[in-house]
């Protein structure tokens, strides 16, 4: 993977130019005295569509023990103040 490497002064001077490249998918590595300090990359857009319900239907079964009460020592550990 090839990244664009620039120094801080170059980033300040030509930020708009480099932002256009980032929007197109480029990644920019900003360096201070040739040491990388910041990576600028595009943000992955969120989808506006809601996730469908039931994507995992039939892939697993909830065992009957899941609905049974927890053992007293485990319940007690939830309320224990000393750690």
N, C-alpha and C. Protein backbone atom coordinates (compact mmCIF):
# COMPACT_ATOMS: atom_id res chain seq x y z
N UNK A 1 0.85 -1.18 0.00
CA UNK A 1 0.00 0.00 0.00
C UNK A 1 0.89 1.24 0.00
N UNK A 2 0.70 2.12 -0.94
CA UNK A 2 1.49 3.33 -1.05
C UNK A 2 0.72 4.48 -0.42
N UNK A 3 1.38 5.19 0.48
CA UNK A 3 0.77 6.36 1.12
C UNK A 3 1.51 7.60 0.66
N UNK A 4 0.80 8.70 0.68
CA UNK A 4 1.43 9.98 0.42
C UNK A 4 2.06 10.44 1.73
N UNK A 5 3.35 10.75 1.70
CA UNK A 5 4.06 11.24 2.88
C UNK A 5 4.34 12.72 2.69
N UNK A 6 3.90 13.54 3.65
CA UNK A 6 4.16 14.98 3.58
C UNK A 6 4.59 15.47 4.95
N UNK A 7 5.24 16.64 4.98
CA UNK A 7 5.60 17.21 6.27
C UNK A 7 4.49 18.16 6.72
N UNK A 8 4.58 18.61 7.95
CA UNK A 8 3.51 19.43 8.53
C UNK A 8 3.32 20.72 7.77
N UNK A 9 4.40 21.38 7.38
CA UNK A 9 4.28 22.65 6.64
C UNK A 9 3.55 22.44 5.32
N UNK A 10 3.85 21.36 4.64
CA UNK A 10 3.18 21.04 3.37
C UNK A 10 1.70 20.78 3.61
N UNK A 11 1.37 20.10 4.70
CA UNK A 11 -0.03 19.83 5.02
C UNK A 11 -0.79 21.12 5.29
N UNK A 12 -0.17 22.03 6.02
CA UNK A 12 -0.82 23.32 6.31
C UNK A 12 -1.04 24.13 5.04
N UNK A 13 -0.03 24.15 4.19
CA UNK A 13 -0.09 24.97 2.99
C UNK A 13 -1.11 24.45 1.98
N UNK A 14 -1.20 23.14 1.84
CA UNK A 14 -2.02 22.55 0.78
C UNK A 14 -3.09 21.61 1.32
N UNK A 15 -3.68 21.95 2.45
CA UNK A 15 -4.66 21.07 3.07
C UNK A 15 -5.82 20.74 2.13
N UNK A 16 -6.36 21.72 1.44
CA UNK A 16 -7.50 21.48 0.54
C UNK A 16 -7.13 20.48 -0.55
N UNK A 17 -5.95 20.62 -1.10
CA UNK A 17 -5.49 19.71 -2.16
C UNK A 17 -5.40 18.28 -1.64
N UNK A 18 -4.85 18.11 -0.44
CA UNK A 18 -4.70 16.77 0.11
C UNK A 18 -6.04 16.20 0.58
N UNK A 19 -6.94 17.05 1.03
CA UNK A 19 -8.28 16.57 1.42
C UNK A 19 -9.00 15.99 0.21
N UNK A 20 -8.84 16.59 -0.95
CA UNK A 20 -9.46 16.05 -2.16
C UNK A 20 -8.92 14.66 -2.46
N UNK A 21 -7.62 14.45 -2.25
CA UNK A 21 -7.04 13.13 -2.48
C UNK A 21 -7.56 12.11 -1.48
N UNK A 22 -7.73 12.54 -0.23
CA UNK A 22 -8.25 11.65 0.81
C UNK A 22 -9.67 11.23 0.48
N UNK A 23 -10.49 12.18 0.04
CA UNK A 23 -11.87 11.88 -0.33
C UNK A 23 -11.92 10.85 -1.45
N UNK A 24 -10.93 10.86 -2.32
CA UNK A 24 -10.88 9.89 -3.43
C UNK A 24 -10.32 8.54 -3.00
N UNK A 25 -9.92 8.41 -1.71
CA UNK A 25 -9.47 7.12 -1.22
C UNK A 25 -8.02 7.04 -0.82
N UNK A 26 -7.24 8.09 -1.05
CA UNK A 26 -5.82 8.09 -0.69
C UNK A 26 -5.67 8.18 0.83
N UNK A 27 -4.54 7.70 1.33
CA UNK A 27 -4.18 7.86 2.73
C UNK A 27 -2.93 8.71 2.78
N UNK A 28 -2.91 9.68 3.70
CA UNK A 28 -1.79 10.60 3.81
C UNK A 28 -1.13 10.43 5.16
N UNK A 29 0.19 10.35 5.15
CA UNK A 29 0.98 10.25 6.36
C UNK A 29 1.68 11.58 6.56
N UNK A 30 1.33 12.27 7.67
CA UNK A 30 1.94 13.56 7.97
C UNK A 30 3.11 13.32 8.92
N UNK A 31 4.27 13.87 8.56
CA UNK A 31 5.49 13.63 9.33
C UNK A 31 6.01 14.93 9.95
N UNK A 32 6.66 14.77 11.08
CA UNK A 32 7.36 15.88 11.74
C UNK A 32 8.83 15.48 11.78
N UNK A 33 9.64 16.21 11.04
CA UNK A 33 11.07 15.89 10.91
C UNK A 33 11.26 14.45 10.43
N UNK A 34 10.50 14.08 9.43
CA UNK A 34 10.53 12.76 8.79
C UNK A 34 10.10 11.61 9.68
N UNK A 35 9.44 11.91 10.80
CA UNK A 35 8.90 10.88 11.68
C UNK A 35 7.38 10.96 11.58
N UNK A 36 6.72 9.88 11.17
CA UNK A 36 5.25 9.90 11.04
C UNK A 36 4.57 10.21 12.37
N UNK A 37 3.63 11.16 12.34
CA UNK A 37 2.88 11.52 13.55
C UNK A 37 1.37 11.40 13.37
N UNK A 38 0.90 11.53 12.15
CA UNK A 38 -0.55 11.51 11.91
C UNK A 38 -0.83 10.80 10.59
N UNK A 39 -1.90 10.01 10.59
CA UNK A 39 -2.37 9.39 9.36
C UNK A 39 -3.75 9.95 9.06
N UNK A 40 -3.92 10.44 7.86
CA UNK A 40 -5.23 10.98 7.44
C UNK A 40 -5.79 10.02 6.40
N UNK A 41 -6.97 9.50 6.66
CA UNK A 41 -7.60 8.57 5.73
C UNK A 41 -9.09 8.85 5.66
N UNK A 42 -9.75 8.39 4.61
CA UNK A 42 -11.18 8.67 4.46
C UNK A 42 -12.01 7.96 5.52
N UNK A 43 -13.12 8.59 5.86
CA UNK A 43 -14.07 8.01 6.81
C UNK A 43 -15.03 7.13 6.01
N UNK A 44 -15.28 5.93 6.53
CA UNK A 44 -16.21 5.02 5.87
C UNK A 44 -17.64 5.52 6.16
N UNK A 45 -18.41 5.81 5.12
CA UNK A 45 -19.75 6.33 5.37
C UNK A 45 -20.67 5.28 6.00
N UNK A 46 -21.54 5.74 6.88
CA UNK A 46 -22.53 4.85 7.49
C UNK A 46 -23.67 4.62 6.50
N UNK A 47 -24.23 3.44 6.57
CA UNK A 47 -25.38 3.18 5.71
C UNK A 47 -26.64 3.70 6.41
N UNK A 48 -27.57 4.18 5.64
CA UNK A 48 -28.81 4.72 6.19
C UNK A 48 -29.90 3.65 6.31
N UNK A 49 -29.61 2.48 5.77
CA UNK A 49 -30.62 1.42 5.81
C UNK A 49 -30.56 0.70 7.15
N UNK A 50 -31.71 0.43 7.76
CA UNK A 50 -31.71 -0.31 9.02
C UNK A 50 -31.32 -1.77 8.77
N UNK A 51 -30.67 -2.36 9.77
CA UNK A 51 -30.30 -3.77 9.65
C UNK A 51 -31.55 -4.64 9.70
N UNK A 52 -31.63 -5.62 8.84
CA UNK A 52 -32.80 -6.50 8.87
C UNK A 52 -32.81 -7.37 10.12
N UNK A 53 -33.98 -7.65 10.63
CA UNK A 53 -34.14 -8.49 11.81
C UNK A 53 -34.09 -9.95 11.38
N UNK A 54 -33.45 -10.77 12.20
CA UNK A 54 -33.43 -12.20 11.96
C UNK A 54 -32.28 -12.70 11.10
N UNK A 55 -31.18 -11.95 11.03
CA UNK A 55 -30.06 -12.40 10.20
C UNK A 55 -29.45 -13.71 10.68
N UNK A 56 -29.53 -13.99 11.98
CA UNK A 56 -28.93 -15.21 12.53
C UNK A 56 -29.97 -16.30 12.82
N UNK A 57 -31.17 -16.13 12.29
CA UNK A 57 -32.22 -17.10 12.56
C UNK A 57 -31.80 -18.49 12.11
N UNK A 58 -31.91 -19.45 13.04
CA UNK A 58 -31.59 -20.83 12.74
C UNK A 58 -30.11 -21.18 12.87
N UNK A 59 -29.26 -20.21 13.18
CA UNK A 59 -27.83 -20.48 13.28
C UNK A 59 -27.43 -20.99 14.66
N UNK A 60 -28.25 -20.75 15.68
CA UNK A 60 -27.93 -21.24 17.02
C UNK A 60 -29.21 -21.45 17.80
N UNK A 61 -29.10 -22.24 18.86
CA UNK A 61 -30.23 -22.51 19.74
C UNK A 61 -29.87 -22.02 21.14
N UNK A 62 -30.79 -21.39 21.82
CA UNK A 62 -30.59 -20.98 23.20
C UNK A 62 -30.94 -22.17 24.09
N UNK A 63 -29.96 -22.64 24.89
CA UNK A 63 -30.25 -23.80 25.73
C UNK A 63 -31.23 -23.45 26.85
N UNK A 64 -31.96 -24.45 27.34
CA UNK A 64 -32.95 -24.22 28.40
C UNK A 64 -32.29 -23.69 29.67
N UNK A 65 -31.03 -24.07 29.93
CA UNK A 65 -30.33 -23.60 31.14
C UNK A 65 -30.17 -22.09 31.16
N UNK A 66 -30.24 -21.46 30.02
CA UNK A 66 -30.09 -20.01 29.93
C UNK A 66 -31.13 -19.29 30.79
N UNK A 67 -32.32 -19.85 30.88
CA UNK A 67 -33.42 -19.21 31.60
C UNK A 67 -33.47 -19.60 33.08
N UNK A 68 -32.59 -20.50 33.51
CA UNK A 68 -32.58 -20.90 34.92
C UNK A 68 -31.85 -19.84 35.75
N UNK A 69 -32.21 -19.71 37.05
CA UNK A 69 -31.53 -18.74 37.90
C UNK A 69 -30.04 -19.06 38.03
N UNK A 70 -29.24 -18.02 38.22
CA UNK A 70 -27.80 -18.20 38.43
C UNK A 70 -27.54 -18.79 39.80
N UNK A 71 -26.44 -19.50 39.97
CA UNK A 71 -26.08 -20.01 41.29
C UNK A 71 -25.86 -18.85 42.27
N UNK A 72 -26.14 -19.06 43.56
CA UNK A 72 -26.03 -17.97 44.55
C UNK A 72 -24.65 -17.32 44.59
N UNK A 73 -23.56 -18.08 44.43
CA UNK A 73 -22.23 -17.46 44.51
C UNK A 73 -21.98 -16.48 43.36
N UNK A 74 -22.54 -16.76 42.19
CA UNK A 74 -22.39 -15.84 41.06
C UNK A 74 -23.25 -14.60 41.27
N UNK A 75 -24.47 -14.77 41.76
CA UNK A 75 -25.34 -13.63 42.06
C UNK A 75 -24.67 -12.73 43.09
N UNK A 76 -24.08 -13.34 44.13
CA UNK A 76 -23.40 -12.59 45.18
C UNK A 76 -22.24 -11.75 44.61
N UNK A 77 -21.53 -12.30 43.62
CA UNK A 77 -20.38 -11.57 43.06
C UNK A 77 -20.80 -10.28 42.35
N UNK A 78 -22.04 -10.19 41.89
CA UNK A 78 -22.52 -8.96 41.27
C UNK A 78 -22.71 -7.85 42.30
N UNK A 79 -22.98 -8.22 43.53
CA UNK A 79 -23.27 -7.23 44.56
C UNK A 79 -22.11 -7.06 45.55
N UNK A 80 -21.04 -7.76 45.34
CA UNK A 80 -19.89 -7.70 46.25
C UNK A 80 -19.19 -6.35 46.09
N UNK A 81 -18.91 -5.69 47.21
CA UNK A 81 -18.28 -4.37 47.19
C UNK A 81 -16.76 -4.47 47.14
N UNK A 82 -16.17 -5.50 47.72
CA UNK A 82 -14.71 -5.65 47.76
C UNK A 82 -14.21 -6.28 46.48
N UNK A 83 -13.20 -5.68 45.91
CA UNK A 83 -12.59 -6.27 44.70
C UNK A 83 -11.12 -6.48 44.90
